[in-house]
Amino acid sequence: MAVFEGSFIQTEPLRFAVVIGRFNDLVSVKLLEGCQDCLKRHGVDTNPHGNQVDYVWVPGSFEVPVVARQLALSHRYDAIICLGAVIRGQTPHFDIVSSEVAKGVAAASFQTGVPVIFGILTADTMQQALERAGIKSNHGWDYAMSALEMASLMRQLRSNLAEPYSRNTQSLPASFQSANLGNLAAESEELG
């Protein structure tokens, strides 16, 4: 048996996309700064003209999942980081938006096999959101750490699990022997 675990080193080959909701940009920009700081400190070139990170700005958090899914379907990225903020108001709008964004981000990851990191702050007040985006701590850093770890882990899993099973299906349980696990990337492309 084996143990697989993501790492925070050897980040040179990794590619990321960051999708940022512009609405509540006072918070989103702070999250982006924390995210970029983390990626830089772990050896990732965060320059938008470089070759490791692409940035996509969307109107608000509700639009983040559809763009994240489209980017993940391209299979150009090892992980997608979604950043934004949804702040409670006087109407049920907060509950609807935050719930649908969470579902959409999860679906994008599940449907494509690409880690899509949920970095959408949900807060009752602007003060709470600002505290989480830099006054007390910056969750943008945490979201980048999750992306680094998941990108590394998924690369390990793809290289270590797909090859042995595609060559020797006899070692698989009977229920999996008919599946072609060696062609995971092609199967996930068909979902798009």
Protein backbone atom coordinates (compact mmCIF):
# COMPACT_ATOMS: atom_id res chain seq x y z
CA MET A 1 0.00 0.00 0.00
CA ALA A 2 1.08 3.61 -0.44
CA VAL A 3 0.61 6.96 1.24
CA PHE A 4 0.04 9.99 -0.97
CA GLU A 5 0.36 13.51 0.32
CA GLY A 6 0.69 16.85 -1.40
CA SER A 7 3.82 18.92 -0.95
CA PHE A 8 4.69 22.59 -1.03
CA ILE A 9 8.01 22.25 -2.85
CA GLN A 10 8.85 21.71 -6.51
CA THR A 11 6.21 24.21 -7.63
CA GLU A 12 7.98 25.19 -10.86
CA PRO A 13 5.95 22.93 -13.14
CA LEU A 14 2.59 23.81 -11.55
CA ARG A 15 0.08 26.08 -13.28
CA PHE A 16 -2.75 27.91 -11.57
CA ALA A 17 -5.73 30.04 -12.52
CA VAL A 18 -7.22 32.50 -10.07
CA VAL A 19 -10.84 33.54 -10.60
CA ILE A 20 -11.74 36.71 -8.69
CA GLY A 21 -15.21 38.13 -8.10
CA ARG A 22 -15.10 41.92 -8.51
CA PHE A 23 -18.15 42.62 -6.32
CA ASN A 24 -16.95 43.46 -2.79
CA ASP A 25 -13.53 44.08 -4.34
CA LEU A 26 -12.28 45.71 -1.14
CA VAL A 27 -12.24 42.17 0.24
CA SER A 28 -11.43 40.29 -2.98
CA VAL A 29 -8.30 42.34 -3.67
CA LYS A 30 -7.00 41.63 -0.15
CA LEU A 31 -7.65 37.91 -0.64
CA LEU A 32 -5.79 38.05 -3.95
CA GLU A 33 -2.80 39.76 -2.28
CA GLY A 34 -2.65 37.03 0.39
CA CYS A 35 -2.95 34.34 -2.27
CA GLN A 36 -0.17 35.84 -4.38
CA ASP A 37 2.08 36.26 -1.35
CA CYS A 38 1.74 32.58 -0.50
CA LEU A 39 2.33 31.42 -4.05
CA LYS A 40 5.43 33.65 -4.41
CA ARG A 41 6.91 32.41 -1.13
CA HIS A 42 6.52 28.87 -2.43
CA GLY A 43 8.35 29.55 -5.67
CA VAL A 44 5.46 30.26 -8.03
CA ASP A 45 5.86 33.11 -10.53
CA THR A 46 2.68 35.16 -9.94
CA ASN A 47 3.39 37.66 -12.70
CA PRO A 48 0.30 37.82 -14.93
CA HIS A 49 2.63 37.89 -17.95
CA GLY A 50 4.51 34.82 -16.70
CA ASN A 51 3.64 31.21 -17.43
CA GLN A 52 2.44 29.89 -14.06
CA VAL A 53 -0.63 31.93 -13.04
CA ASP A 54 -3.50 33.33 -15.06
CA TYR A 55 -6.03 35.75 -13.53
CA VAL A 56 -9.67 36.06 -14.53
CA TRP A 57 -11.91 38.79 -13.12
CA VAL A 58 -15.67 38.21 -13.13
CA PRO A 59 -18.49 40.54 -12.04
CA GLY A 60 -19.23 38.79 -8.74
CA SER A 61 -19.02 35.55 -6.80
CA PHE A 62 -22.06 34.07 -8.53
CA GLU A 63 -20.17 34.09 -11.85
CA VAL A 64 -17.07 32.41 -10.42
CA PRO A 65 -18.12 28.74 -10.78
CA VAL A 66 -18.93 28.80 -14.51
CA VAL A 67 -15.57 30.41 -15.31
CA ALA A 68 -13.72 28.07 -12.95
CA ARG A 69 -15.31 25.07 -14.65
CA GLN A 70 -14.40 26.34 -18.12
CA LEU A 71 -10.79 26.86 -17.03
CA ALA A 72 -10.66 23.41 -15.44
CA LEU A 73 -12.04 21.80 -18.61
CA SER A 74 -9.07 23.21 -20.53
CA HIS A 75 -6.74 20.97 -18.46
CA ARG A 76 -4.11 23.72 -18.64
CA TYR A 77 -4.09 24.18 -14.86
CA ASP A 78 -3.14 22.02 -11.92
CA ALA A 79 -5.58 23.91 -9.67
CA ILE A 80 -8.06 26.76 -9.87
CA ILE A 81 -8.37 29.20 -6.96
CA CYS A 82 -11.73 30.98 -6.58
CA LEU A 83 -11.73 34.24 -4.62
CA GLY A 84 -14.59 36.52 -3.65
CA ALA A 85 -16.86 37.68 -0.89
CA VAL A 86 -20.57 37.40 -0.22
CA ILE A 87 -21.77 39.61 2.62
CA ARG A 88 -25.16 39.21 4.29
CA GLY A 89 -27.69 41.95 3.68
CA GLN A 90 -31.32 42.52 4.63
CA THR A 91 -32.74 39.95 2.18
CA PRO A 92 -32.34 36.20 1.54
CA HIS A 93 -30.08 37.02 -1.43
CA PHE A 94 -26.99 36.13 0.66
CA ASP A 95 -28.24 32.60 1.36
CA ILE A 96 -29.08 31.93 -2.28
CA VAL A 97 -25.82 33.30 -3.70
CA SER A 98 -23.50 31.71 -1.14
CA SER A 99 -25.20 28.32 -1.46
CA GLU A 100 -25.15 28.29 -5.26
CA VAL A 101 -21.55 29.47 -5.45
CA ALA A 102 -20.44 26.71 -3.07
CA LYS A 103 -22.32 24.08 -5.08
CA GLY A 104 -20.96 25.41 -8.36
CA VAL A 105 -17.34 25.43 -7.22
CA ALA A 106 -17.66 21.89 -5.85
CA ALA A 107 -19.31 20.71 -9.07
CA ALA A 108 -16.58 22.26 -11.22
CA SER A 109 -13.95 20.31 -9.32
CA PHE A 110 -15.89 17.07 -9.20
CA GLN A 111 -16.86 17.16 -12.88
CA THR A 112 -13.37 17.92 -14.19
CA GLY A 113 -11.04 16.20 -11.74
CA VAL A 114 -9.12 19.47 -11.33
CA PRO A 115 -8.88 20.88 -7.79
CA VAL A 116 -11.07 23.99 -7.62
CA ILE A 117 -10.43 25.76 -4.33
CA PHE A 118 -13.37 27.45 -2.61
CA GLY A 119 -12.03 30.84 -1.52
CA ILE A 120 -15.30 32.71 -1.34
CA LEU A 121 -15.68 34.39 2.04
CA THR A 122 -19.19 34.40 3.43
CA ALA A 123 -19.66 36.89 6.26
CA ASP A 124 -22.43 38.65 8.13
CA THR A 125 -20.71 42.04 7.95
CA MET A 126 -18.04 43.86 5.96
CA GLN A 127 -15.97 44.00 9.16
CA GLN A 128 -15.99 40.19 9.45
CA ALA A 129 -14.98 39.85 5.82
CA LEU A 130 -12.13 42.36 6.20
CA GLU A 131 -10.87 40.58 9.31
CA ARG A 132 -10.62 37.35 7.30
CA ALA A 133 -8.99 39.12 4.37
CA GLY A 134 -6.10 40.73 6.17
CA ILE A 135 -6.89 42.61 9.37
CA LYS A 136 -6.50 39.55 11.63
CA SER A 137 -5.39 36.97 9.08
CA ASN A 138 -5.60 36.60 5.34
CA HIS A 139 -7.47 33.53 4.18
CA GLY A 140 -6.14 34.17 0.68
CA TRP A 141 -2.91 32.59 1.96
CA ASP A 142 -4.83 29.51 3.14
CA TYR A 143 -6.58 29.12 -0.20
CA ALA A 144 -3.24 29.23 -2.02
CA MET A 145 -1.81 26.62 0.35
CA SER A 146 -4.75 24.34 -0.41
CA ALA A 147 -4.18 24.84 -4.14
CA LEU A 148 -0.46 24.04 -3.86
CA GLU A 149 -1.12 20.90 -1.84
CA MET A 150 -3.96 19.64 -4.03
CA ALA A 151 -2.11 20.37 -7.28
CA SER A 152 0.88 18.40 -6.04
CA LEU A 153 -1.28 15.57 -4.72
CA MET A 154 -3.26 15.21 -7.93
CA ARG A 155 -0.06 15.07 -9.99
CA GLN A 156 1.17 12.26 -7.74
CA LEU A 157 -2.08 10.36 -8.00
CA ARG A 158 -2.25 10.69 -11.78
CA SER A 159 1.29 9.49 -12.29
CA ASN A 160 1.28 6.72 -9.66
CA LEU A 161 -2.21 5.29 -9.95
CA ALA A 162 -3.17 5.46 -13.60
CA GLU A 163 -0.10 3.75 -15.07
CA PRO A 164 0.05 0.58 -12.97
CA TYR A 165 -3.68 -0.03 -13.32
CA SER A 166 -3.74 0.51 -17.06
CA ARG A 167 -1.03 -2.13 -17.50
CA ASN A 168 -2.25 -4.68 -14.97
CA THR A 169 -5.99 -4.73 -14.42
CA GLN A 170 -5.71 -8.13 -12.71
CA SER A 171 -4.65 -6.36 -9.48
CA LEU A 172 -7.89 -4.39 -9.45
CA PRO A 173 -11.07 -5.53 -7.76
CA ALA A 174 -13.39 -7.30 -10.20
CA SER A 175 -15.80 -4.37 -10.29
CA PHE A 176 -13.03 -2.11 -11.65
CA GLN A 177 -11.38 -4.51 -14.11
CA SER A 178 -13.53 -3.39 -17.01
CA ALA A 179 -12.80 0.31 -16.41
CA ASN A 180 -10.02 1.97 -18.39
CA LEU A 181 -8.27 3.87 -15.58
CA GLY A 182 -5.28 4.66 -17.72
CA ASN A 183 -7.23 7.24 -19.70
CA LEU A 184 -8.58 9.46 -16.91
CA ALA A 185 -7.72 12.73 -18.65
CA ALA A 186 -9.62 11.83 -21.82
CA GLU A 187 -12.66 10.78 -19.81
CA SER A 188 -12.75 14.05 -17.89
CA GLU A 189 -12.48 16.01 -21.16
CA GLU A 190 -15.60 14.26 -22.40
CA LEU A 191 -17.55 15.75 -19.47
CA GLY A 192 -17.13 19.22 -20.96
